[in-house]
């Protein structure tokens, strides 16, 4: 029983690390709760499945940009994240940051270095956000496994003046020797929990 709990927690954590994919998708709905829909798809280039989240939340482009730009706040809504911080800024909407994800013992925590860019259409029709892993930007830290590859894409529109519709795709290799089948089995946990908390923060 204890091993099962560790396995579930470990798998859920890994799939919240920061992902557009690299190939054709065949999305399969794996969770639909509280207006948050989580999909999963196999890819040709990795044994780890890609994840997509679709939801409509209360908020605006500027509110979402503000939340994502506040990297220290990520630990309040991104699943199992700890010690996130800015590494360097090119602009308020183009920066590199570090994030660490807690893993249950005896697993090592995973960490990632991410290049985040946010671009809003000049006619206010959409907002595009990209978060690409840059694992070699800073040296690896002792006792942690650096995520070797991660890619996140957000496509955001505003169906009303007070709501945002989000299409989020995630793809990553968590590093280490964790089997892909174990990670894929619990793919819905981290994304669902993260977007549920994001929804609460956007309402504040």
N, C-alpha and C. Protein backbone atom coordinates (compact mmCIF):
# COMPACT_ATOMS: atom_id res chain seq x y z
N UNK A 1 0.83 -1.21 0.00
CA UNK A 1 0.00 0.00 0.00
C UNK A 1 0.86 1.26 0.00
N UNK A 2 1.90 1.26 0.83
CA UNK A 2 2.79 2.41 0.90
C UNK A 2 3.47 2.66 -0.44
N UNK A 3 3.90 1.55 -1.09
CA UNK A 3 4.55 1.69 -2.40
C UNK A 3 3.58 2.27 -3.42
N UNK A 4 2.31 1.86 -3.35
CA UNK A 4 1.30 2.37 -4.29
C UNK A 4 1.09 3.87 -4.11
N UNK A 5 1.04 4.33 -2.87
CA UNK A 5 0.85 5.76 -2.60
C UNK A 5 2.02 6.56 -3.15
N UNK A 6 3.25 6.06 -2.95
CA UNK A 6 4.44 6.74 -3.47
C UNK A 6 4.40 6.80 -4.99
N UNK A 7 4.00 5.69 -5.59
CA UNK A 7 3.93 5.63 -7.06
C UNK A 7 2.96 6.65 -7.61
N UNK A 8 1.77 6.73 -7.01
CA UNK A 8 0.75 7.67 -7.47
C UNK A 8 1.24 9.11 -7.30
N UNK A 9 1.76 9.42 -6.13
CA UNK A 9 2.23 10.79 -5.87
C UNK A 9 3.36 11.17 -6.81
N UNK A 10 4.28 10.26 -7.00
CA UNK A 10 5.43 10.52 -7.88
C UNK A 10 4.98 10.80 -9.30
N UNK A 11 4.06 9.99 -9.79
CA UNK A 11 3.61 10.14 -11.17
C UNK A 11 2.86 11.45 -11.37
N UNK A 12 2.02 11.80 -10.42
CA UNK A 12 1.26 13.04 -10.53
C UNK A 12 2.16 14.26 -10.52
N UNK A 13 3.17 14.23 -9.67
CA UNK A 13 4.11 15.35 -9.58
C UNK A 13 4.84 15.56 -10.90
N UNK A 14 5.34 14.51 -11.48
CA UNK A 14 6.14 14.64 -12.69
C UNK A 14 5.37 15.29 -13.82
N UNK A 15 4.10 15.01 -13.90
CA UNK A 15 3.31 15.53 -15.01
C UNK A 15 2.86 16.97 -14.80
N UNK A 16 3.27 17.58 -13.68
CA UNK A 16 3.00 19.01 -13.52
C UNK A 16 4.22 19.84 -13.85
N UNK A 17 5.34 19.21 -14.10
CA UNK A 17 6.52 19.96 -14.52
C UNK A 17 6.30 20.54 -15.91
N UNK A 18 6.94 21.66 -16.04
CA UNK A 18 6.82 22.24 -17.30
C UNK A 18 7.62 21.59 -18.35
N UNK A 19 4.50 22.27 -21.51
CA UNK A 19 5.04 21.32 -22.39
C UNK A 19 4.47 21.50 -23.78
N UNK A 20 4.30 22.74 -26.44
CA UNK A 20 3.55 21.99 -27.41
C UNK A 20 4.30 20.76 -27.82
N UNK A 21 3.59 19.85 -28.30
CA UNK A 21 4.17 18.56 -28.59
C UNK A 21 4.97 18.55 -29.86
N UNK A 22 5.44 17.37 -30.21
CA UNK A 22 6.32 17.20 -31.35
C UNK A 22 5.74 16.12 -32.26
N UNK A 23 4.61 16.40 -32.89
CA UNK A 23 4.02 15.41 -33.76
C UNK A 23 2.51 15.46 -33.71
N UNK A 24 1.88 14.49 -34.35
CA UNK A 24 0.43 14.44 -34.40
C UNK A 24 -0.13 13.90 -33.09
N UNK A 25 -1.31 14.41 -32.72
CA UNK A 25 -1.95 13.99 -31.49
C UNK A 25 -3.25 13.25 -31.76
N UNK A 26 -3.56 12.36 -30.86
CA UNK A 26 -4.86 11.68 -30.85
C UNK A 26 -5.37 11.78 -29.42
N UNK A 27 -5.99 12.92 -29.11
CA UNK A 27 -6.33 13.22 -27.73
C UNK A 27 -7.46 12.34 -27.21
N UNK A 28 -7.29 11.85 -26.00
CA UNK A 28 -8.29 11.04 -25.32
C UNK A 28 -8.63 11.71 -23.99
N UNK A 29 -9.92 11.97 -23.76
CA UNK A 29 -10.36 12.61 -22.52
C UNK A 29 -10.15 11.65 -21.35
N UNK A 30 -9.42 12.10 -20.31
CA UNK A 30 -9.17 11.24 -19.15
C UNK A 30 -9.73 11.83 -17.86
N UNK A 31 -10.12 13.10 -17.87
CA UNK A 31 -10.75 13.70 -16.68
C UNK A 31 -11.60 14.88 -17.11
N UNK A 32 -12.80 14.98 -16.56
CA UNK A 32 -13.71 16.09 -16.85
C UNK A 32 -14.43 16.43 -15.55
N UNK A 33 -13.93 17.46 -14.87
CA UNK A 33 -14.46 17.80 -13.55
C UNK A 33 -14.30 19.30 -13.31
N UNK A 34 -15.31 19.91 -12.73
CA UNK A 34 -15.27 21.34 -12.37
C UNK A 34 -14.97 22.22 -13.57
N UNK A 35 -15.40 21.80 -14.77
CA UNK A 35 -15.16 22.59 -15.98
C UNK A 35 -13.75 22.47 -16.52
N UNK A 36 -12.95 21.60 -15.94
CA UNK A 36 -11.57 21.39 -16.37
C UNK A 36 -11.48 20.03 -17.06
N UNK A 37 -11.11 20.03 -18.32
CA UNK A 37 -11.02 18.79 -19.10
C UNK A 37 -9.54 18.48 -19.38
N UNK A 38 -9.12 17.29 -19.01
CA UNK A 38 -7.74 16.87 -19.19
C UNK A 38 -7.71 15.74 -20.23
N UNK A 39 -6.83 15.89 -21.23
CA UNK A 39 -6.70 14.91 -22.29
C UNK A 39 -5.28 14.35 -22.28
N UNK A 40 -5.13 13.18 -22.89
CA UNK A 40 -3.84 12.52 -22.99
C UNK A 40 -3.65 12.00 -24.41
N UNK A 41 -2.41 12.03 -24.91
CA UNK A 41 -2.14 11.52 -26.25
C UNK A 41 -0.75 10.90 -26.30
N UNK A 42 -0.63 9.82 -27.03
CA UNK A 42 0.69 9.26 -27.30
C UNK A 42 1.38 10.12 -28.34
N UNK A 43 2.72 10.11 -28.33
CA UNK A 43 3.50 10.82 -29.33
C UNK A 43 4.52 9.87 -29.94
N UNK A 44 5.00 10.23 -31.12
CA UNK A 44 5.93 9.37 -31.84
C UNK A 44 7.36 9.49 -31.33
N UNK A 45 7.62 10.56 -30.60
CA UNK A 45 9.01 10.84 -30.22
C UNK A 45 9.32 10.55 -28.76
N UNK A 46 8.34 10.09 -27.99
CA UNK A 46 8.57 9.86 -26.57
C UNK A 46 7.62 8.80 -26.03
N UNK A 47 8.08 8.06 -25.02
CA UNK A 47 7.20 7.10 -24.34
C UNK A 47 6.31 7.79 -23.32
N UNK A 48 6.62 9.05 -22.99
CA UNK A 48 5.80 9.81 -22.06
C UNK A 48 4.69 10.51 -22.84
N UNK A 49 3.47 10.34 -22.40
CA UNK A 49 2.35 10.90 -23.14
C UNK A 49 2.23 12.40 -22.95
N UNK A 50 1.69 13.06 -23.98
CA UNK A 50 1.44 14.49 -23.92
C UNK A 50 0.11 14.74 -23.22
N UNK A 51 -0.01 15.92 -22.62
CA UNK A 51 -1.21 16.30 -21.88
C UNK A 51 -1.78 17.58 -22.46
N UNK A 52 -3.11 17.64 -22.53
CA UNK A 52 -3.78 18.87 -22.91
C UNK A 52 -4.87 19.17 -21.88
N UNK A 53 -4.99 20.45 -21.53
CA UNK A 53 -6.04 20.90 -20.64
C UNK A 53 -6.86 21.96 -21.35
N UNK A 54 -8.17 21.85 -21.27
CA UNK A 54 -9.08 22.87 -21.81
C UNK A 54 -10.02 23.30 -20.70
N UNK A 55 -10.17 24.61 -20.55
CA UNK A 55 -11.08 25.12 -19.52
C UNK A 55 -11.41 26.58 -19.81
N UNK A 56 -12.50 27.04 -19.26
CA UNK A 56 -12.88 28.45 -19.29
C UNK A 56 -12.95 28.94 -17.85
N UNK A 57 -12.14 29.95 -17.54
CA UNK A 57 -12.03 30.44 -16.18
C UNK A 57 -12.41 31.91 -16.10
N UNK A 58 -12.78 32.33 -14.92
CA UNK A 58 -13.00 33.76 -14.69
C UNK A 58 -11.66 34.46 -14.75
N UNK A 59 -11.59 35.61 -15.47
CA UNK A 59 -10.33 36.32 -15.55
C UNK A 59 -10.17 37.07 -16.86
N UNK A 60 -9.00 37.68 -17.05
CA UNK A 60 -8.67 38.44 -18.26
C UNK A 60 -7.24 38.09 -18.66
N UNK A 61 -6.84 38.53 -19.86
CA UNK A 61 -5.46 38.34 -20.29
C UNK A 61 -4.48 38.92 -19.27
N UNK A 62 -4.73 40.16 -18.88
CA UNK A 62 -3.80 40.85 -17.99
C UNK A 62 -3.71 40.17 -16.62
N UNK A 63 -4.83 39.66 -16.13
CA UNK A 63 -4.81 38.96 -14.85
C UNK A 63 -3.98 37.70 -14.94
N UNK A 64 -4.16 36.93 -16.03
CA UNK A 64 -3.38 35.70 -16.21
C UNK A 64 -1.89 36.02 -16.35
N UNK A 65 -1.57 37.04 -17.12
CA UNK A 65 -0.17 37.44 -17.28
C UNK A 65 0.43 37.81 -15.93
N UNK A 66 -0.33 38.52 -15.12
CA UNK A 66 0.15 38.93 -13.80
C UNK A 66 0.44 37.71 -12.91
N UNK A 67 -0.44 36.72 -12.95
CA UNK A 67 -0.25 35.51 -12.14
C UNK A 67 0.98 34.73 -12.60
N UNK A 68 1.13 34.56 -13.91
CA UNK A 68 2.26 33.80 -14.43
C UNK A 68 3.58 34.53 -14.21
N UNK A 69 3.54 35.86 -14.26
CA UNK A 69 4.76 36.65 -14.07
C UNK A 69 5.24 36.64 -12.63
N UNK A 70 4.33 36.40 -11.72
CA UNK A 70 4.69 36.34 -10.29
C UNK A 70 5.18 34.92 -9.98
N UNK A 71 6.43 34.66 -10.31
CA UNK A 71 6.98 33.31 -10.21
C UNK A 71 6.93 32.78 -8.77
N UNK A 72 7.15 33.63 -7.81
CA UNK A 72 7.10 33.20 -6.41
C UNK A 72 5.71 32.66 -6.05
N UNK A 73 4.68 33.15 -6.73
CA UNK A 73 3.31 32.71 -6.47
C UNK A 73 3.04 31.31 -7.02
N UNK A 74 3.89 30.81 -7.90
CA UNK A 74 3.65 29.49 -8.51
C UNK A 74 3.51 28.40 -7.46
N UNK A 75 4.20 28.54 -6.33
CA UNK A 75 4.13 27.50 -5.30
C UNK A 75 2.75 27.42 -4.66
N UNK A 76 1.90 28.42 -4.92
CA UNK A 76 0.55 28.42 -4.35
C UNK A 76 -0.47 27.74 -5.27
N UNK A 77 -0.09 27.50 -6.53
CA UNK A 77 -1.08 26.87 -7.41
C UNK A 77 -0.53 25.77 -8.32
N UNK A 78 0.75 25.78 -8.64
CA UNK A 78 1.30 24.71 -9.48
C UNK A 78 1.59 23.51 -8.58
N UNK A 79 1.10 22.36 -8.94
CA UNK A 79 1.10 21.18 -8.11
C UNK A 79 2.50 20.78 -7.63
N UNK A 80 2.68 20.76 -6.30
CA UNK A 80 3.90 20.29 -5.63
C UNK A 80 5.15 21.12 -5.93
N UNK A 81 4.98 22.34 -6.42
CA UNK A 81 6.14 23.18 -6.73
C UNK A 81 6.65 23.85 -5.45
N UNK A 82 7.98 23.97 -5.37
CA UNK A 82 8.60 24.67 -4.25
C UNK A 82 9.78 25.48 -4.80
N UNK A 83 10.17 26.51 -4.07
CA UNK A 83 11.34 27.36 -4.34
C UNK A 83 11.44 27.87 -5.78
N UNK A 84 10.37 28.35 -6.40
CA UNK A 84 10.52 28.94 -7.74
C UNK A 84 11.11 30.34 -7.64
N UNK A 85 11.98 30.69 -8.61
CA UNK A 85 12.53 32.05 -8.59
C UNK A 85 13.01 32.44 -9.99
N UNK A 86 13.04 33.75 -10.22
CA UNK A 86 13.50 34.29 -11.49
C UNK A 86 15.02 34.17 -11.59
N UNK A 87 15.50 33.72 -12.74
CA UNK A 87 16.94 33.67 -13.00
C UNK A 87 17.38 34.95 -13.70
N UNK A 88 16.70 35.31 -14.78
CA UNK A 88 16.99 36.57 -15.45
C UNK A 88 15.78 37.00 -16.29
N UNK A 89 15.67 38.32 -16.49
CA UNK A 89 14.55 38.88 -17.25
C UNK A 89 15.05 39.60 -18.48
N UNK A 90 14.44 39.28 -19.63
CA UNK A 90 14.65 40.06 -20.84
C UNK A 90 13.64 41.20 -20.91
N UNK A 91 12.45 40.94 -20.37
CA UNK A 91 11.38 41.93 -20.29
C UNK A 91 10.37 41.39 -19.29
N UNK A 92 9.36 42.18 -18.92
CA UNK A 92 8.36 41.67 -17.97
C UNK A 92 7.62 40.42 -18.46
N UNK A 93 7.59 40.22 -19.78
CA UNK A 93 6.89 39.06 -20.32
C UNK A 93 7.82 38.11 -21.07
N UNK A 94 9.09 38.17 -20.76
CA UNK A 94 10.08 37.28 -21.35
C UNK A 94 11.19 37.07 -20.32
N UNK A 95 11.18 35.91 -19.68
CA UNK A 95 12.16 35.70 -18.61
C UNK A 95 12.44 34.21 -18.42
N UNK A 96 13.51 33.94 -17.68
CA UNK A 96 13.91 32.58 -17.34
C UNK A 96 13.70 32.39 -15.84
N UNK A 97 13.19 31.22 -15.47
CA UNK A 97 13.01 30.97 -14.04
C UNK A 97 13.36 29.52 -13.69
N UNK A 98 13.61 29.32 -12.42
CA UNK A 98 13.94 28.00 -11.87
C UNK A 98 12.76 27.51 -11.04
N UNK A 99 12.49 26.21 -11.12
CA UNK A 99 11.42 25.65 -10.31
C UNK A 99 11.81 24.24 -9.85
N UNK A 100 11.43 23.91 -8.64
CA UNK A 100 11.69 22.59 -8.09
C UNK A 100 10.37 21.94 -7.72
N UNK A 101 10.25 20.65 -8.00
CA UNK A 101 9.02 19.93 -7.70
C UNK A 101 9.30 18.85 -6.66
N UNK A 102 8.51 18.85 -5.60
CA UNK A 102 8.70 17.89 -4.50
C UNK A 102 8.29 16.49 -4.95
N UNK A 103 9.11 15.52 -4.57
CA UNK A 103 8.85 14.12 -4.86
C UNK A 103 8.79 13.35 -3.54
N UNK A 104 7.97 12.33 -3.47
CA UNK A 104 7.92 11.53 -2.25
C UNK A 104 9.18 10.69 -2.09
N UNK A 105 9.63 10.55 -0.85
CA UNK A 105 10.77 9.68 -0.56
C UNK A 105 10.46 8.27 -1.04
N UNK A 106 11.40 7.57 -1.64
CA UNK A 106 12.84 7.87 -1.74
C UNK A 106 13.25 8.53 -3.06
N UNK A 107 12.30 9.09 -3.79
CA UNK A 107 12.60 9.72 -5.07
C UNK A 107 13.31 11.06 -4.85
N UNK A 108 14.17 11.44 -5.79
CA UNK A 108 14.82 12.76 -5.75
C UNK A 108 13.88 13.81 -6.34
N UNK A 109 13.88 15.00 -5.76
CA UNK A 109 13.11 16.08 -6.33
C UNK A 109 13.57 16.37 -7.76
N UNK A 110 12.63 16.78 -8.61
CA UNK A 110 12.96 17.21 -9.97
C UNK A 110 13.05 18.73 -9.99
N UNK A 111 13.96 19.27 -10.81
CA UNK A 111 13.99 20.71 -11.00
C UNK A 111 14.07 21.02 -12.49
N UNK A 112 13.69 22.23 -12.84
CA UNK A 112 13.66 22.63 -14.25
C UNK A 112 14.02 24.10 -14.36
N UNK A 113 14.65 24.44 -15.48
CA UNK A 113 14.90 25.83 -15.84
C UNK A 113 14.04 26.12 -17.06
N UNK A 114 13.25 27.18 -16.99
CA UNK A 114 12.22 27.42 -17.99
C UNK A 114 12.35 28.82 -18.59
N UNK A 115 12.20 28.90 -19.90
CA UNK A 115 12.14 30.18 -20.60
C UNK A 115 10.68 30.46 -20.93
N UNK A 116 10.12 31.46 -20.26
CA UNK A 116 8.70 31.80 -20.42
C UNK A 116 8.55 33.07 -21.24
N UNK A 117 7.72 33.00 -22.28
CA UNK A 117 7.39 34.19 -23.08
C UNK A 117 5.87 34.30 -23.21
N UNK A 118 5.38 35.53 -23.17
CA UNK A 118 3.94 35.78 -23.28
C UNK A 118 3.72 36.86 -24.33
N UNK A 119 2.89 36.56 -25.32
CA UNK A 119 2.66 37.49 -26.43
C UNK A 119 1.16 37.64 -26.67
N UNK A 120 0.68 38.88 -26.53
CA UNK A 120 -0.73 39.17 -26.75
C UNK A 120 -0.92 39.77 -28.14
N UNK A 121 -1.91 39.28 -28.85
CA UNK A 121 -2.23 39.79 -30.17
C UNK A 121 -2.55 41.29 -30.10
N UNK A 122 -2.09 42.04 -31.09
CA UNK A 122 -2.29 43.50 -31.06
C UNK A 122 -3.76 43.89 -31.12
N UNK A 123 -4.60 43.01 -31.65
CA UNK A 123 -6.04 43.28 -31.72
C UNK A 123 -6.80 42.65 -30.56
N UNK A 124 -6.05 42.12 -29.59
CA UNK A 124 -6.63 41.54 -28.39
C UNK A 124 -7.45 40.28 -28.66
N UNK A 125 -7.13 39.58 -29.76
CA UNK A 125 -7.90 38.38 -30.11
C UNK A 125 -7.43 37.15 -29.34
N UNK A 126 -6.15 37.11 -28.98
CA UNK A 126 -5.63 35.93 -28.29
C UNK A 126 -4.33 36.27 -27.56
N UNK A 127 -3.97 35.38 -26.66
CA UNK A 127 -2.72 35.46 -25.92
C UNK A 127 -2.01 34.12 -26.09
N UNK A 128 -0.74 34.16 -26.49
CA UNK A 128 0.05 32.94 -26.61
C UNK A 128 1.16 32.95 -25.58
N UNK A 129 1.31 31.82 -24.91
CA UNK A 129 2.33 31.69 -23.87
C UNK A 129 3.15 30.43 -24.16
N UNK A 130 4.45 30.57 -24.07
CA UNK A 130 5.34 29.44 -24.30
C UNK A 130 6.29 29.30 -23.12
N UNK A 131 6.48 28.06 -22.67
CA UNK A 131 7.41 27.79 -21.57
C UNK A 131 8.27 26.60 -21.97
N UNK A 132 9.49 26.87 -22.36
CA UNK A 132 10.39 25.85 -22.89
C UNK A 132 11.53 25.60 -21.93
N UNK A 133 11.81 24.34 -21.67
CA UNK A 133 12.90 23.99 -20.78
C UNK A 133 14.26 24.36 -21.35
N UNK A 134 15.11 24.93 -20.49
CA UNK A 134 16.50 25.27 -20.84
C UNK A 134 17.40 24.65 -19.78
N UNK A 135 17.54 23.32 -19.80
CA UNK A 135 18.21 22.62 -18.69
C UNK A 135 19.67 22.97 -18.48
N UNK A 136 20.35 23.50 -19.49
CA UNK A 136 21.78 23.80 -19.35
C UNK A 136 22.07 25.25 -18.99
N UNK A 137 21.03 26.04 -18.76
CA UNK A 137 21.26 27.45 -18.49
C UNK A 137 22.02 27.67 -17.19
N UNK A 138 21.74 26.86 -16.18
CA UNK A 138 22.47 26.95 -14.92
C UNK A 138 22.93 25.54 -14.54
N UNK A 139 23.98 25.43 -13.73
CA UNK A 139 24.47 24.10 -13.34
C UNK A 139 23.40 23.30 -12.59
N UNK A 140 23.49 21.99 -12.71
CA UNK A 140 22.59 21.13 -11.97
C UNK A 140 22.89 21.23 -10.48
N UNK A 141 21.86 21.00 -9.68
CA UNK A 141 21.99 21.13 -8.23
C UNK A 141 22.12 19.74 -7.59
N UNK A 142 22.95 19.65 -6.62
CA UNK A 142 23.19 18.39 -5.93
C UNK A 142 21.90 17.85 -5.31
N UNK A 143 21.65 16.55 -5.50
CA UNK A 143 20.50 15.91 -4.88
C UNK A 143 19.21 16.05 -5.64
N UNK A 144 19.25 16.73 -6.80
CA UNK A 144 18.04 16.93 -7.61
C UNK A 144 18.27 16.41 -9.02
N UNK A 145 17.21 15.95 -9.66
CA UNK A 145 17.28 15.49 -11.05
C UNK A 145 16.77 16.59 -11.96
N UNK A 146 17.60 17.07 -12.86
CA UNK A 146 17.21 18.13 -13.78
C UNK A 146 16.33 17.54 -14.89
N UNK A 147 15.19 18.17 -15.14
CA UNK A 147 14.30 17.75 -16.23
C UNK A 147 15.00 18.04 -17.55
N UNK A 148 15.28 17.03 -18.38
CA UNK A 148 16.07 17.26 -19.59
C UNK A 148 15.30 17.90 -20.74
N UNK A 149 13.97 17.73 -20.74
CA UNK A 149 13.19 18.29 -21.85
C UNK A 149 11.78 18.61 -21.37
N UNK A 150 11.32 19.81 -21.63
CA UNK A 150 9.95 20.17 -21.30
C UNK A 150 9.47 21.27 -22.23
N UNK A 151 8.20 21.24 -22.55
CA UNK A 151 7.61 22.23 -23.44
C UNK A 151 6.15 22.44 -23.08
N UNK A 152 5.79 23.69 -22.84
CA UNK A 152 4.42 24.06 -22.51
C UNK A 152 3.93 25.12 -23.48
N UNK A 153 2.68 25.00 -23.89
CA UNK A 153 2.07 26.01 -24.75
C UNK A 153 0.68 26.34 -24.23
N UNK A 154 0.40 27.64 -24.14
CA UNK A 154 -0.94 28.12 -23.78
C UNK A 154 -1.50 28.91 -24.97
N UNK A 155 -2.74 28.64 -25.34
CA UNK A 155 -3.46 29.47 -26.31
C UNK A 155 -4.71 29.95 -25.61
N UNK A 156 -4.78 31.26 -25.39
CA UNK A 156 -5.83 31.83 -24.55
C UNK A 156 -6.67 32.83 -25.35
N UNK A 157 -7.99 32.70 -25.25
CA UNK A 157 -8.91 33.66 -25.86
C UNK A 157 -9.88 34.14 -24.78
N UNK A 158 -10.61 35.22 -25.10
CA UNK A 158 -11.59 35.76 -24.16
C UNK A 158 -12.99 35.70 -24.77
N UNK A 159 -13.76 34.65 -24.46
CA UNK A 159 -15.12 34.54 -25.00
C UNK A 159 -16.05 35.63 -24.48
N UNK A 160 -15.75 36.16 -23.29
CA UNK A 160 -16.50 37.30 -22.75
C UNK A 160 -15.49 38.25 -22.13
N UNK A 161 -15.98 39.41 -21.70
CA UNK A 161 -15.08 40.42 -21.13
C UNK A 161 -14.50 39.99 -19.78
N UNK A 162 -15.08 38.95 -19.16
CA UNK A 162 -14.66 38.55 -17.83
C UNK A 162 -14.23 37.09 -17.74
N UNK A 163 -14.07 36.42 -18.89
CA UNK A 163 -13.65 35.03 -18.87
C UNK A 163 -12.56 34.76 -19.90
N UNK A 164 -11.72 33.79 -19.59
CA UNK A 164 -10.68 33.36 -20.52
C UNK A 164 -10.84 31.87 -20.81
N UNK A 165 -10.68 31.53 -22.07
CA UNK A 165 -10.70 30.12 -22.48
C UNK A 165 -9.25 29.70 -22.73
N UNK A 166 -8.83 28.62 -22.10
CA UNK A 166 -7.43 28.18 -22.15
C UNK A 166 -7.32 26.82 -22.82
N UNK A 167 -6.40 26.73 -23.77
CA UNK A 167 -5.96 25.44 -24.30
C UNK A 167 -4.48 25.33 -23.95
N UNK A 168 -4.18 24.39 -23.10
CA UNK A 168 -2.82 24.22 -22.55
C UNK A 168 -2.31 22.85 -22.95
N UNK A 169 -1.11 22.79 -23.53
CA UNK A 169 -0.52 21.50 -23.86
C UNK A 169 0.83 21.35 -23.18
N UNK A 170 1.11 20.14 -22.80
CA UNK A 170 2.29 19.85 -21.98
C UNK A 170 2.98 18.59 -22.48
N UNK A 171 4.31 18.65 -22.60
CA UNK A 171 5.10 17.48 -22.95
C UNK A 171 6.44 17.58 -22.25
N UNK A 172 6.88 16.47 -21.65
CA UNK A 172 8.14 16.53 -20.93
C UNK A 172 8.72 15.14 -20.73
N UNK A 173 10.02 15.11 -20.52
CA UNK A 173 10.73 13.93 -20.07
C UNK A 173 11.20 14.24 -18.65
N UNK A 174 10.72 13.53 -17.64
CA UNK A 174 11.06 13.88 -16.26
C UNK A 174 12.48 13.55 -15.84
N UNK A 175 13.22 12.84 -16.67
CA UNK A 175 14.59 12.49 -16.30
C UNK A 175 14.65 11.34 -15.33
N UNK A 176 15.84 10.88 -15.07
CA UNK A 176 16.00 9.74 -14.16
C UNK A 176 15.57 8.45 -14.83
N UNK A 177 15.24 7.46 -14.01
CA UNK A 177 14.91 6.13 -14.54
C UNK A 177 13.48 5.71 -14.24
N UNK A 178 12.58 6.67 -14.09
CA UNK A 178 11.19 6.33 -13.83
C UNK A 178 10.54 5.75 -15.09
N UNK A 179 9.82 4.65 -14.98
CA UNK A 179 9.19 4.05 -16.15
C UNK A 179 8.04 4.90 -16.67
N UNK A 180 7.94 5.01 -18.00
CA UNK A 180 6.91 5.85 -18.61
C UNK A 180 5.51 5.38 -18.27
N UNK A 181 5.29 4.08 -18.16
CA UNK A 181 3.94 3.58 -17.89
C UNK A 181 3.43 4.07 -16.54
N UNK A 182 4.35 4.20 -15.57
CA UNK A 182 3.96 4.65 -14.24
C UNK A 182 3.57 6.13 -14.26
N UNK A 183 4.36 6.93 -14.97
CA UNK A 183 4.07 8.36 -15.08
C UNK A 183 2.76 8.58 -15.83
N UNK A 184 2.57 7.87 -16.93
CA UNK A 184 1.38 8.05 -17.76
C UNK A 184 0.09 7.65 -17.04
N UNK A 185 0.20 6.72 -16.11
CA UNK A 185 -0.99 6.17 -15.47
C UNK A 185 -1.77 7.21 -14.67
N UNK A 186 -1.06 8.21 -14.14
CA UNK A 186 -1.71 9.19 -13.28
C UNK A 186 -1.57 10.61 -13.85
N UNK A 187 -1.73 10.69 -15.18
CA UNK A 187 -1.46 11.94 -15.89
C UNK A 187 -2.44 13.06 -15.58
N UNK A 188 -3.62 12.74 -15.08
CA UNK A 188 -4.63 13.77 -14.88
C UNK A 188 -4.48 14.53 -13.56
N UNK A 189 -3.82 13.96 -12.57
CA UNK A 189 -3.80 14.51 -11.21
C UNK A 189 -3.21 15.91 -11.13
N UNK A 190 -1.95 16.06 -11.55
CA UNK A 190 -1.26 17.34 -11.42
C UNK A 190 -1.91 18.46 -12.21
N UNK A 191 -2.20 18.25 -13.52
CA UNK A 191 -2.83 19.32 -14.31
C UNK A 191 -4.17 19.76 -13.74
N UNK A 192 -4.99 18.81 -13.34
CA UNK A 192 -6.31 19.17 -12.79
C UNK A 192 -6.15 20.01 -11.53
N UNK A 193 -5.32 19.56 -10.60
CA UNK A 193 -5.14 20.28 -9.34
C UNK A 193 -4.58 21.69 -9.59
N UNK A 194 -3.64 21.81 -10.53
CA UNK A 194 -3.04 23.11 -10.82
C UNK A 194 -4.07 24.09 -11.38
N UNK A 195 -4.86 23.65 -12.34
CA UNK A 195 -5.83 24.57 -12.95
C UNK A 195 -6.99 24.87 -12.01
N UNK A 196 -7.31 23.97 -11.13
CA UNK A 196 -8.33 24.25 -10.14
C UNK A 196 -7.88 25.38 -9.21
N UNK A 197 -6.61 25.32 -8.79
CA UNK A 197 -6.08 26.38 -7.93
C UNK A 197 -5.87 27.68 -8.69
N UNK A 198 -5.46 27.57 -9.96
CA UNK A 198 -5.33 28.76 -10.79
C UNK A 198 -6.66 29.48 -10.91
N UNK A 199 -7.72 28.75 -11.08
CA UNK A 199 -9.07 29.33 -11.16
C UNK A 199 -9.39 30.13 -9.90
N UNK A 200 -9.03 29.60 -8.74
CA UNK A 200 -9.31 30.29 -7.47
C UNK A 200 -8.49 31.58 -7.37
N UNK A 201 -7.24 31.53 -7.80
CA UNK A 201 -6.37 32.72 -7.73
C UNK A 201 -6.86 33.81 -8.69
N UNK A 202 -7.31 33.43 -9.86
CA UNK A 202 -7.78 34.41 -10.85
C UNK A 202 -9.03 35.15 -10.37
N UNK A 203 -9.77 34.55 -9.45
CA UNK A 203 -10.98 35.17 -8.93
C UNK A 203 -10.71 36.23 -7.88
N UNK A 204 -9.50 36.24 -7.33
CA UNK A 204 -9.17 37.16 -6.24
C UNK A 204 -9.04 38.60 -6.74
